Amino acid sequence: MTRDSVFLTNISGDAGLRNAQDIAAQLKAALVNHNAIAAATDDIASADITTVQLLLAARRQAVAAGKSFTLAAPPHGALRDLLIQIGILDAAGTAATSDADFWLHEPQKTKGKAA
């Protein structure tokens, strides 16, 4: 267990409702075992509102526990398309909501091994 570096957890494939329980368990384990977590979303092939809910819930849980949860890089592909579709990002991919800093931050350097 590494508590001083940013732990990278990879979310890939279908990140929607069908796999929500598995992704939730993956994020929960990362939050239990690490103080700083970055979710890599580059390999998400499909996403739905469940994906957004899981990521925001992980962020809220991290903040409540005095930890950090970020995205490893700004979203692209299926996740970016979804964020535009639901109005978190505008058509140009820029911030459309007050929590856009979570989605569009500068990428952090990640250390440790990927989950």
C-alpha atoms as a PDB file:
ATOM      1  CA  MET A   1       0.000   0.000   0.000  1.00  0.00           C
ATOM      2  CA  THR A   2       1.471   3.322  -1.092  1.00  0.00           C
ATOM      3  CA  ARG A   3       0.077   6.337   0.687  1.00  0.00           C
ATOM      4  CA  ASP A   4       2.441   9.095  -0.534  1.00  0.00           C
ATOM      5  CA  SER A   5       2.203   8.779  -4.319  1.00  0.00           C
ATOM      6  CA  VAL A   6      -0.726   9.079  -6.689  1.00  0.00           C
ATOM      7  CA  PHE A   7      -2.217   5.668  -7.362  1.00  0.00           C
ATOM      8  CA  LEU A   8      -3.406   5.128 -10.927  1.00  0.00           C
ATOM      9  CA  THR A   9      -6.502   3.029 -11.448  1.00  0.00           C
ATOM     10  CA  ASN A  10      -7.513   2.237 -15.019  1.00  0.00           C
ATOM     11  CA  ILE A  11     -11.153   2.191 -16.098  1.00  0.00           C
ATOM     12  CA  SER A  12     -11.588   0.553 -19.479  1.00  0.00           C
ATOM     13  CA  GLY A  13     -14.039  -1.039 -21.862  1.00  0.00           C
ATOM     14  CA  ASP A  14     -17.746  -0.670 -21.158  1.00  0.00           C
ATOM     15  CA  ALA A  15     -17.848   1.680 -18.179  1.00  0.00           C
ATOM     16  CA  GLY A  16     -21.621   1.914 -18.062  1.00  0.00           C
ATOM     17  CA  LEU A  17     -24.393   0.344 -16.044  1.00  0.00           C
ATOM     18  CA  ARG A  18     -23.517  -3.218 -17.061  1.00  0.00           C
ATOM     19  CA  ASN A  19     -20.147  -2.984 -15.273  1.00  0.00           C
ATOM     20  CA  ALA A  20     -21.023  -0.453 -12.581  1.00  0.00           C
ATOM     21  CA  GLN A  21     -20.601  -2.865  -9.656  1.00  0.00           C
ATOM     22  CA  ASP A  22     -17.124  -3.896 -10.780  1.00  0.00           C
ATOM     23  CA  ILE A  23     -16.020  -0.299 -11.341  1.00  0.00           C
ATOM     24  CA  ALA A  24     -17.479   0.786  -7.998  1.00  0.00           C
ATOM     25  CA  ALA A  25     -15.559  -2.001  -6.242  1.00  0.00           C
ATOM     26  CA  GLN A  26     -12.361  -1.019  -8.068  1.00  0.00           C
ATOM     27  CA  LEU A  27     -12.744   2.635  -7.048  1.00  0.00           C
ATOM     28  CA  LYS A  28     -13.665   1.716  -3.463  1.00  0.00           C
ATOM     29  CA  ALA A  29     -10.547  -0.453  -3.110  1.00  0.00           C
ATOM     30  CA  ALA A  30      -8.382   2.367  -4.440  1.00  0.00           C
ATOM     31  CA  LEU A  31      -9.943   4.836  -1.995  1.00  0.00           C
ATOM     32  CA  VAL A  32      -9.483   2.481   0.958  1.00  0.00           C
ATOM     33  CA  ASN A  33      -5.831   1.797   0.195  1.00  0.00           C
ATOM     34  CA  HIS A  34      -4.520   5.137  -1.100  1.00  0.00           C
ATOM     35  CA  ASN A  35      -4.662   8.818  -0.200  1.00  0.00           C
ATOM     36  CA  ALA A  36      -4.350  10.118  -3.754  1.00  0.00           C
ATOM     37  CA  ILE A  37      -6.019   8.352  -6.651  1.00  0.00           C
ATOM     38  CA  ALA A  38      -6.109   9.218 -10.345  1.00  0.00           C
ATOM     39  CA  ALA A  39      -8.513   7.418 -12.654  1.00  0.00           C
ATOM     40  CA  ALA A  40      -7.249   6.753 -16.166  1.00  0.00           C
ATOM     41  CA  THR A  41     -10.244   6.885 -18.492  1.00  0.00           C
ATOM     42  CA  ASP A  42      -8.468   6.779 -21.868  1.00  0.00           C
ATOM     43  CA  ASP A  43      -9.496   3.163 -22.504  1.00  0.00           C
ATOM     44  CA  ILE A  44     -13.229   3.637 -21.913  1.00  0.00           C
ATOM     45  CA  ALA A  45     -14.993   2.319 -25.008  1.00  0.00           C
ATOM     46  CA  SER A  46     -18.536   3.173 -23.909  1.00  0.00           C
ATOM     47  CA  ALA A  47     -19.964   5.273 -21.114  1.00  0.00           C
ATOM     48  CA  ASP A  48     -23.340   6.347 -19.801  1.00  0.00           C
ATOM     49  CA  ILE A  49     -24.628   8.488 -16.954  1.00  0.00           C
ATOM     50  CA  THR A  50     -23.621   5.708 -14.537  1.00  0.00           C
ATOM     51  CA  THR A  51     -19.985   6.353 -15.462  1.00  0.00           C
ATOM     52  CA  VAL A  52     -20.296  10.007 -14.508  1.00  0.00           C
ATOM     53  CA  GLN A  53     -22.100   9.109 -11.281  1.00  0.00           C
ATOM     54  CA  LEU A  54     -19.389   6.614 -10.289  1.00  0.00           C
ATOM     55  CA  LEU A  55     -16.588   9.108 -10.884  1.00  0.00           C
ATOM     56  CA  LEU A  56     -18.348  11.919  -9.018  1.00  0.00           C
ATOM     57  CA  ALA A  57     -19.242   9.594  -6.130  1.00  0.00           C
ATOM     58  CA  ALA A  58     -15.605   8.510  -5.855  1.00  0.00           C
ATOM     59  CA  ARG A  59     -14.569  12.159  -5.802  1.00  0.00           C
ATOM     60  CA  ARG A  60     -17.084  12.956  -3.023  1.00  0.00           C
ATOM     61  CA  GLN A  61     -15.967   9.946  -0.967  1.00  0.00           C
ATOM     62  CA  ALA A  62     -12.333  10.933  -1.338  1.00  0.00           C
ATOM     63  CA  VAL A  63     -13.001  14.512  -0.225  1.00  0.00           C
ATOM     64  CA  ALA A  64     -15.040  13.278   2.760  1.00  0.00           C
ATOM     65  CA  ALA A  65     -12.114  11.056   3.789  1.00  0.00           C
ATOM     66  CA  GLY A  66      -9.513  13.814   3.342  1.00  0.00           C
ATOM     67  CA  LYS A  67      -8.133  12.171   0.210  1.00  0.00           C
ATOM     68  CA  SER A  68      -7.901  13.220  -3.419  1.00  0.00           C
ATOM     69  CA  PHE A  69      -9.503  11.707  -6.486  1.00  0.00           C
ATOM     70  CA  THR A  70      -8.793  13.110  -9.925  1.00  0.00           C
ATOM     71  CA  LEU A  71      -8.770  12.052 -13.524  1.00  0.00           C
ATOM     72  CA  ALA A  72      -5.322  11.153 -14.822  1.00  0.00           C
ATOM     73  CA  ALA A  73      -5.991  13.279 -17.927  1.00  0.00           C
ATOM     74  CA  PRO A  74      -8.884  15.284 -19.308  1.00  0.00           C
ATOM     75  CA  PRO A  75     -11.438  12.929 -20.867  1.00  0.00           C
ATOM     76  CA  HIS A  76     -11.589  12.134 -24.544  1.00  0.00           C
ATOM     77  CA  GLY A  77     -13.404   9.607 -26.685  1.00  0.00           C
ATOM     78  CA  ALA A  78     -16.582   8.071 -25.292  1.00  0.00           C
ATOM     79  CA  LEU A  79     -16.371   9.822 -21.920  1.00  0.00           C
ATOM     80  CA  ARG A  80     -15.791  13.256 -23.461  1.00  0.00           C
ATOM     81  CA  ASP A  81     -18.652  12.693 -25.894  1.00  0.00           C
ATOM     82  CA  LEU A  82     -20.947  11.777 -22.996  1.00  0.00           C
ATOM     83  CA  LEU A  83     -19.905  14.840 -20.980  1.00  0.00           C
ATOM     84  CA  ILE A  84     -20.788  17.029 -23.964  1.00  0.00           C
ATOM     85  CA  GLN A  85     -24.084  15.209 -24.492  1.00  0.00           C
ATOM     86  CA  ILE A  86     -25.210  15.711 -20.874  1.00  0.00           C
ATOM     87  CA  GLY A  87     -24.036  19.323 -20.690  1.00  0.00           C
ATOM     88  CA  ILE A  88     -21.010  19.124 -18.405  1.00  0.00           C
ATOM     89  CA  LEU A  89     -18.850  20.242 -21.310  1.00  0.00           C
ATOM     90  CA  ASP A  90     -20.022  22.454 -24.155  1.00  0.00           C
ATOM     91  CA  ALA A  91     -19.804  21.452 -27.825  1.00  0.00           C
ATOM     92  CA  ALA A  92     -16.204  22.689 -27.976  1.00  0.00           C
ATOM     93  CA  GLY A  93     -15.266  20.528 -25.000  1.00  0.00           C
ATOM     94  CA  THR A  94     -14.822  23.430 -22.580  1.00  0.00           C
ATOM     95  CA  ALA A  95     -16.356  23.886 -19.149  1.00  0.00           C
ATOM     96  CA  ALA A  96     -20.119  24.275 -19.052  1.00  0.00           C
ATOM     97  CA  THR A  97     -20.666  23.601 -15.320  1.00  0.00           C
ATOM     98  CA  SER A  98     -19.091  24.739 -12.071  1.00  0.00           C
ATOM     99  CA  ASP A  99     -17.476  21.339 -11.432  1.00  0.00           C
ATOM    100  CA  ALA A 100     -15.663  21.312 -14.771  1.00  0.00           C
ATOM    101  CA  ASP A 101     -12.339  21.694 -12.935  1.00  0.00           C
ATOM    102  CA  PHE A 102     -12.664  18.003 -12.031  1.00  0.00           C
ATOM    103  CA  TRP A 103     -13.104  17.019 -15.658  1.00  0.00           C
ATOM    104  CA  LEU A 104     -10.651  19.409 -17.326  1.00  0.00           C
ATOM    105  CA  HIS A 105      -7.772  19.822 -14.867  1.00  0.00           C
ATOM    106  CA  GLU A 106      -4.142  19.591 -15.859  1.00  0.00           C
ATOM    107  CA  PRO A 107      -3.062  15.946 -15.738  1.00  0.00           C
ATOM    108  CA  GLN A 108      -1.180  14.860 -12.640  1.00  0.00           C
ATOM    109  CA  LYS A 109       1.972  12.808 -12.770  1.00  0.00           C
ATOM    110  CA  THR A 110       1.018   9.366 -11.609  1.00  0.00           C
ATOM    111  CA  LYS A 111       3.204   6.966  -9.724  1.00  0.00           C
ATOM    112  CA  GLY A 112       2.714   3.444  -8.587  1.00  0.00           C
ATOM    113  CA  LYS A 113       1.144   0.635 -10.490  1.00  0.00           C
ATOM    114  CA  ALA A 114      -2.070   0.673 -12.402  1.00  0.00           C
ATOM    115  CA  ALA A 115      -4.998  -1.364 -11.152  1.00  0.00           C
END
